[in-house]
Amino acid sequence: MNRIYHISNKQNENIPPPKKLDFKCKKDATINSLFEVEHFLCHMDQLFNYIKLYHILK
């Protein structure tokens, strides 16, 4: 009892072709995100100081 569903060619023609990757844009986005991570990790000690100060003042 296998049922075979037929997809018409009209539906297949409406599928857009895959987009090409823009490596320059991807590279810039990757560099920016790495800078954000580095900034966060370098300022982790300030975060701990703020948390300690919050607990003291609480």
PDB file of N, CA and C in Angstrom:
ATOM      1  N   MET A   1       0.810  -1.184   0.000  1.00  0.00           N
ATOM      2  CA  MET A   1       0.000   0.000   0.000  1.00  0.00           C
ATOM      3  C   MET A   1       0.860   1.257   0.000  1.00  0.00           C
ATOM      4  N   ASN A   2       1.834   1.322  -0.821  1.00  0.00           N
ATOM      5  CA  ASN A   2       2.646   2.521  -0.954  1.00  0.00           C
ATOM      6  C   ASN A   2       1.923   3.526  -1.837  1.00  0.00           C
ATOM      7  N   ARG A   3       1.870   4.725  -1.374  1.00  0.00           N
ATOM      8  CA  ARG A   3       1.251   5.780  -2.164  1.00  0.00           C
ATOM      9  C   ARG A   3       2.351   6.666  -2.719  1.00  0.00           C
ATOM     10  N   ILE A   4       2.260   6.959  -3.954  1.00  0.00           N
ATOM     11  CA  ILE A   4       3.233   7.825  -4.612  1.00  0.00           C
ATOM     12  C   ILE A   4       2.548   9.148  -4.909  1.00  0.00           C
ATOM     13  N   TYR A   5       3.134  10.203  -4.386  1.00  0.00           N
ATOM     14  CA  TYR A   5       2.581  11.530  -4.623  1.00  0.00           C
ATOM     15  C   TYR A   5       3.384  12.198  -5.720  1.00  0.00           C
ATOM     16  N   HIS A   6       2.674  12.730  -6.655  1.00  0.00           N
ATOM     17  CA  HIS A   6       3.312  13.376  -7.792  1.00  0.00           C
ATOM     18  C   HIS A   6       3.333  14.882  -7.563  1.00  0.00           C
ATOM     19  N   ILE A   7       4.513  15.478  -7.679  1.00  0.00           N
ATOM     20  CA  ILE A   7       4.641  16.924  -7.590  1.00  0.00           C
ATOM     21  C   ILE A   7       4.746  17.455  -9.007  1.00  0.00           C
ATOM     22  N   SER A   8       3.882  18.385  -9.307  1.00  0.00           N
ATOM     23  CA  SER A   8       3.870  18.895 -10.678  1.00  0.00           C
ATOM     24  C   SER A   8       5.112  19.728 -10.947  1.00  0.00           C
ATOM     25  N   ASN A   9       5.438  19.863 -12.213  1.00  0.00           N
ATOM     26  CA  ASN A   9       6.599  20.657 -12.613  1.00  0.00           C
ATOM     27  C   ASN A   9       6.396  22.137 -12.314  1.00  0.00           C
ATOM     28  N   LYS A  10       5.155  22.564 -12.255  1.00  0.00           N
ATOM     29  CA  LYS A  10       4.867  23.962 -11.975  1.00  0.00           C
ATOM     30  C   LYS A  10       5.384  24.344 -10.578  1.00  0.00           C
ATOM     31  N   GLN A  11       5.219  23.452  -9.608  1.00  0.00           N
ATOM     32  CA  GLN A  11       5.718  23.720  -8.260  1.00  0.00           C
ATOM     33  C   GLN A  11       7.243  23.699  -8.243  1.00  0.00           C
ATOM     34  N   ASN A  12       7.845  22.827  -8.999  1.00  0.00           N
ATOM     35  CA  ASN A  12       9.297  22.742  -9.046  1.00  0.00           C
ATOM     36  C   ASN A  12       9.916  23.986  -9.675  1.00  0.00           C
ATOM     37  N   GLU A  13       9.234  24.597 -10.613  1.00  0.00           N
ATOM     38  CA  GLU A  13       9.762  25.775 -11.290  1.00  0.00           C
ATOM     39  C   GLU A  13       9.724  27.005 -10.374  1.00  0.00           C
ATOM     40  N   ASN A  14       8.846  27.016  -9.363  1.00  0.00           N
ATOM     41  CA  ASN A  14       8.728  28.165  -8.476  1.00  0.00           C
ATOM     42  C   ASN A  14       9.810  28.189  -7.396  1.00  0.00           C
ATOM     43  N   ILE A  15      10.584  27.141  -7.271  1.00  0.00           N
ATOM     44  CA  ILE A  15      11.646  27.094  -6.267  1.00  0.00           C
ATOM     45  C   ILE A  15      12.793  27.971  -6.756  1.00  0.00           C
ATOM     46  N   PRO A  16      13.198  28.967  -5.935  1.00  0.00           N
ATOM     47  CA  PRO A  16      14.285  29.852  -6.362  1.00  0.00           C
ATOM     48  C   PRO A  16      15.624  29.117  -6.332  1.00  0.00           C
ATOM     49  N   PRO A  17      16.547  29.506  -7.190  1.00  0.00           N
ATOM     50  CA  PRO A  17      17.859  28.861  -7.178  1.00  0.00           C
ATOM     51  C   PRO A  17      18.612  29.239  -5.905  1.00  0.00           C
ATOM     52  N   PRO A  18      19.506  28.388  -5.444  1.00  0.00           N
ATOM     53  CA  PRO A  18      20.251  28.712  -4.221  1.00  0.00           C
ATOM     54  C   PRO A  18      21.121  29.952  -4.418  1.00  0.00           C
ATOM     55  N   LYS A  19      21.243  30.744  -3.359  1.00  0.00           N
ATOM     56  CA  LYS A  19      22.027  31.981  -3.438  1.00  0.00           C
ATOM     57  C   LYS A  19      23.503  31.659  -3.289  1.00  0.00           C
ATOM     58  N   LYS A  20      24.330  32.435  -3.981  1.00  0.00           N
ATOM     59  CA  LYS A  20      25.771  32.271  -3.850  1.00  0.00           C
ATOM     60  C   LYS A  20      26.224  32.944  -2.562  1.00  0.00           C
ATOM     61  N   LEU A  21      27.225  32.381  -1.932  1.00  0.00           N
ATOM     62  CA  LEU A  21      27.752  32.945  -0.703  1.00  0.00           C
ATOM     63  C   LEU A  21      28.642  34.139  -1.008  1.00  0.00           C
ATOM     64  N   ASP A  22      28.456  35.180  -0.238  1.00  0.00           N
ATOM     65  CA  ASP A  22      29.307  36.350  -0.340  1.00  0.00           C
ATOM     66  C   ASP A  22      30.365  36.225   0.751  1.00  0.00           C
ATOM     67  N   PHE A  23      31.544  35.722   0.376  1.00  0.00           N
ATOM     68  CA  PHE A  23      32.571  35.415   1.355  1.00  0.00           C
ATOM     69  C   PHE A  23      33.118  36.670   2.030  1.00  0.00           C
ATOM     70  N   LYS A  24      33.137  37.801   1.342  1.00  0.00           N
ATOM     71  CA  LYS A  24      33.637  39.027   1.951  1.00  0.00           C
ATOM     72  C   LYS A  24      32.712  39.462   3.081  1.00  0.00           C
ATOM     73  N   CYS A  25      31.417  39.381   2.853  1.00  0.00           N
ATOM     74  CA  CYS A  25      30.443  39.751   3.877  1.00  0.00           C
ATOM     75  C   CYS A  25      30.535  38.784   5.056  1.00  0.00           C
ATOM     76  N   LYS A  26      30.646  37.496   4.786  1.00  0.00           N
ATOM     77  CA  LYS A  26      30.768  36.493   5.848  1.00  0.00           C
ATOM     78  C   LYS A  26      32.052  36.703   6.639  1.00  0.00           C
ATOM     79  N   LYS A  27      33.138  37.055   5.946  1.00  0.00           N
ATOM     80  CA  LYS A  27      34.425  37.284   6.603  1.00  0.00           C
ATOM     81  C   LYS A  27      34.328  38.474   7.546  1.00  0.00           C
ATOM     82  N   ASP A  28      33.721  39.563   7.090  1.00  0.00           N
ATOM     83  CA  ASP A  28      33.572  40.754   7.928  1.00  0.00           C
ATOM     84  C   ASP A  28      32.709  40.460   9.150  1.00  0.00           C
ATOM     85  N   ALA A  29      31.639  39.713   8.967  1.00  0.00           N
ATOM     86  CA  ALA A  29      30.760  39.373  10.079  1.00  0.00           C
ATOM     87  C   ALA A  29      31.488  38.489  11.092  1.00  0.00           C
ATOM     88  N   THR A  30      32.307  37.563  10.611  1.00  0.00           N
ATOM     89  CA  THR A  30      33.057  36.686  11.501  1.00  0.00           C
ATOM     90  C   THR A  30      34.080  37.474  12.298  1.00  0.00           C
ATOM     91  N   ILE A  31      34.767  38.397  11.645  1.00  0.00           N
ATOM     92  CA  ILE A  31      35.767  39.217  12.337  1.00  0.00           C
ATOM     93  C   ILE A  31      35.099  40.076  13.402  1.00  0.00           C
ATOM     94  N   ASN A  32      33.954  40.663  13.072  1.00  0.00           N
ATOM     95  CA  ASN A  32      33.246  41.493  14.047  1.00  0.00           C
ATOM     96  C   ASN A  32      32.800  40.674  15.252  1.00  0.00           C
ATOM     97  N   SER A  33      32.292  39.477  15.021  1.00  0.00           N
ATOM     98  CA  SER A  33      31.843  38.664  16.148  1.00  0.00           C
ATOM     99  C   SER A  33      33.024  38.205  16.994  1.00  0.00           C
ATOM    100  N   LEU A  34      34.175  37.941  16.375  1.00  0.00           N
ATOM    101  CA  LEU A  34      35.355  37.564  17.147  1.00  0.00           C
ATOM    102  C   LEU A  34      35.840  38.725  18.006  1.00  0.00           C
ATOM    103  N   PHE A  35      35.772  39.941  17.502  1.00  0.00           N
ATOM    104  CA  PHE A  35      36.142  41.113  18.291  1.00  0.00           C
ATOM    105  C   PHE A  35      35.211  41.286  19.487  1.00  0.00           C
ATOM    106  N   GLU A  36      33.913  41.034  19.280  1.00  0.00           N
ATOM    107  CA  GLU A  36      32.967  41.141  20.389  1.00  0.00           C
ATOM    108  C   GLU A  36      33.254  40.105  21.466  1.00  0.00           C
ATOM    109  N   VAL A  37      33.565  38.886  21.068  1.00  0.00           N
ATOM    110  CA  VAL A  37      33.885  37.833  22.037  1.00  0.00           C
ATOM    111  C   VAL A  37      35.165  38.179  22.780  1.00  0.00           C
ATOM    112  N   GLU A  38      36.171  38.661  22.056  1.00  0.00           N
ATOM    113  CA  GLU A  38      37.432  39.031  22.688  1.00  0.00           C
ATOM    114  C   GLU A  38      37.206  40.171  23.683  1.00  0.00           C
ATOM    115  N   HIS A  39      36.414  41.157  23.322  1.00  0.00           N
ATOM    116  CA  HIS A  39      36.118  42.276  24.216  1.00  0.00           C
ATOM    117  C   HIS A  39      35.431  41.782  25.485  1.00  0.00           C
ATOM    118  N   PHE A  40      34.480  40.874  25.337  1.00  0.00           N
ATOM    119  CA  PHE A  40      33.767  40.325  26.485  1.00  0.00           C
ATOM    120  C   PHE A  40      34.708  39.561  27.403  1.00  0.00           C
ATOM    121  N   LEU A  41      35.566  38.728  26.828  1.00  0.00           N
ATOM    122  CA  LEU A  41      36.468  37.921  27.642  1.00  0.00           C
ATOM    123  C   LEU A  41      37.540  38.762  28.321  1.00  0.00           C
ATOM    124  N   CYS A  42      37.999  39.812  27.663  1.00  0.00           N
ATOM    125  CA  CYS A  42      39.020  40.672  28.265  1.00  0.00           C
ATOM    126  C   CYS A  42      38.455  41.497  29.416  1.00  0.00           C
ATOM    127  N   HIS A  43      37.174  41.773  29.394  1.00  0.00           N
ATOM    128  CA  HIS A  43      36.571  42.586  30.436  1.00  0.00           C
ATOM    129  C   HIS A  43      35.781  41.754  31.436  1.00  0.00           C
ATOM    130  N   MET A  44      36.105  40.468  31.515  1.00  0.00           N
ATOM    131  CA  MET A  44      35.422  39.581  32.449  1.00  0.00           C
ATOM    132  C   MET A  44      35.736  39.972  33.896  1.00  0.00           C
ATOM    133  N   ASP A  45      36.960  40.434  34.163  1.00  0.00           N
ATOM    134  CA  ASP A  45      37.326  40.821  35.527  1.00  0.00           C
ATOM    135  C   ASP A  45      36.506  42.020  35.996  1.00  0.00           C
ATOM    136  N   GLN A  46      36.188  42.941  35.090  1.00  0.00           N
ATOM    137  CA  GLN A  46      35.337  44.074  35.456  1.00  0.00           C
ATOM    138  C   GLN A  46      33.935  43.596  35.810  1.00  0.00           C
ATOM    139  N   LEU A  47      33.464  42.598  35.096  1.00  0.00           N
ATOM    140  CA  LEU A  47      32.148  42.035  35.386  1.00  0.00           C
ATOM    141  C   LEU A  47      32.122  41.454  36.790  1.00  0.00           C
ATOM    142  N   PHE A  48      33.165  40.722  37.166  1.00  0.00           N
ATOM    143  CA  PHE A  48      33.215  40.139  38.499  1.00  0.00           C
ATOM    144  C   PHE A  48      33.275  41.233  39.566  1.00  0.00           C
ATOM    145  N   ASN A  49      34.003  42.297  39.269  1.00  0.00           N
ATOM    146  CA  ASN A  49      34.061  43.418  40.221  1.00  0.00           C
ATOM    147  C   ASN A  49      32.681  44.052  40.402  1.00  0.00           C
ATOM    148  N   TYR A  50      31.937  44.222  39.324  1.00  0.00           N
ATOM    149  CA  TYR A  50      30.597  44.782  39.423  1.00  0.00           C
ATOM    150  C   TYR A  50      29.684  43.864  40.225  1.00  0.00           C
ATOM    151  N   ILE A  51      29.810  42.550  40.028  1.00  0.00           N
ATOM    152  CA  ILE A  51      28.980  41.598  40.775  1.00  0.00           C
ATOM    153  C   ILE A  51      29.320  41.652  42.260  1.00  0.00           C
ATOM    154  N   LYS A  52      30.613  41.712  42.593  1.00  0.00           N
ATOM    155  CA  LYS A  52      31.023  41.804  43.994  1.00  0.00           C
ATOM    156  C   LYS A  52      30.498  43.094  44.615  1.00  0.00           C
ATOM    157  N   LEU A  53      30.611  44.183  43.896  1.00  0.00           N
ATOM    158  CA  LEU A  53      30.124  45.463  44.396  1.00  0.00           C
ATOM    159  C   LEU A  53      28.613  45.421  44.600  1.00  0.00           C
ATOM    160  N   TYR A  54      27.906  44.796  43.701  1.00  0.00           N
ATOM    161  CA  TYR A  54      26.447  44.655  43.830  1.00  0.00           C
ATOM    162  C   TYR A  54      26.091  43.895  45.100  1.00  0.00           C
ATOM    163  N   HIS A  55      26.811  42.798  45.356  1.00  0.00           N
ATOM    164  CA  HIS A  55      26.537  42.007  46.563  1.00  0.00           C
ATOM    165  C   HIS A  55      26.875  42.782  47.836  1.00  0.00           C
ATOM    166  N   ILE A  56      27.916  43.591  47.802  1.00  0.00           N
ATOM    167  CA  ILE A  56      28.279  44.390  48.963  1.00  0.00           C
ATOM    168  C   ILE A  56      27.217  45.448  49.240  1.00  0.00           C
ATOM    169  N   LEU A  57      26.779  46.125  48.184  1.00  0.00           N
ATOM    170  CA  LEU A  57      25.789  47.199  48.346  1.00  0.00           C
ATOM    171  C   LEU A  57      24.372  46.686  48.556  1.00  0.00           C
ATOM    172  N   LYS A  58      24.143  45.460  48.277  1.00  0.00           N
ATOM    173  CA  LYS A  58      22.813  44.867  48.418  1.00  0.00           C
ATOM    174  C   LYS A  58      22.512  44.723  49.857  1.00  0.00           C
TER     175      LYS A  58
END
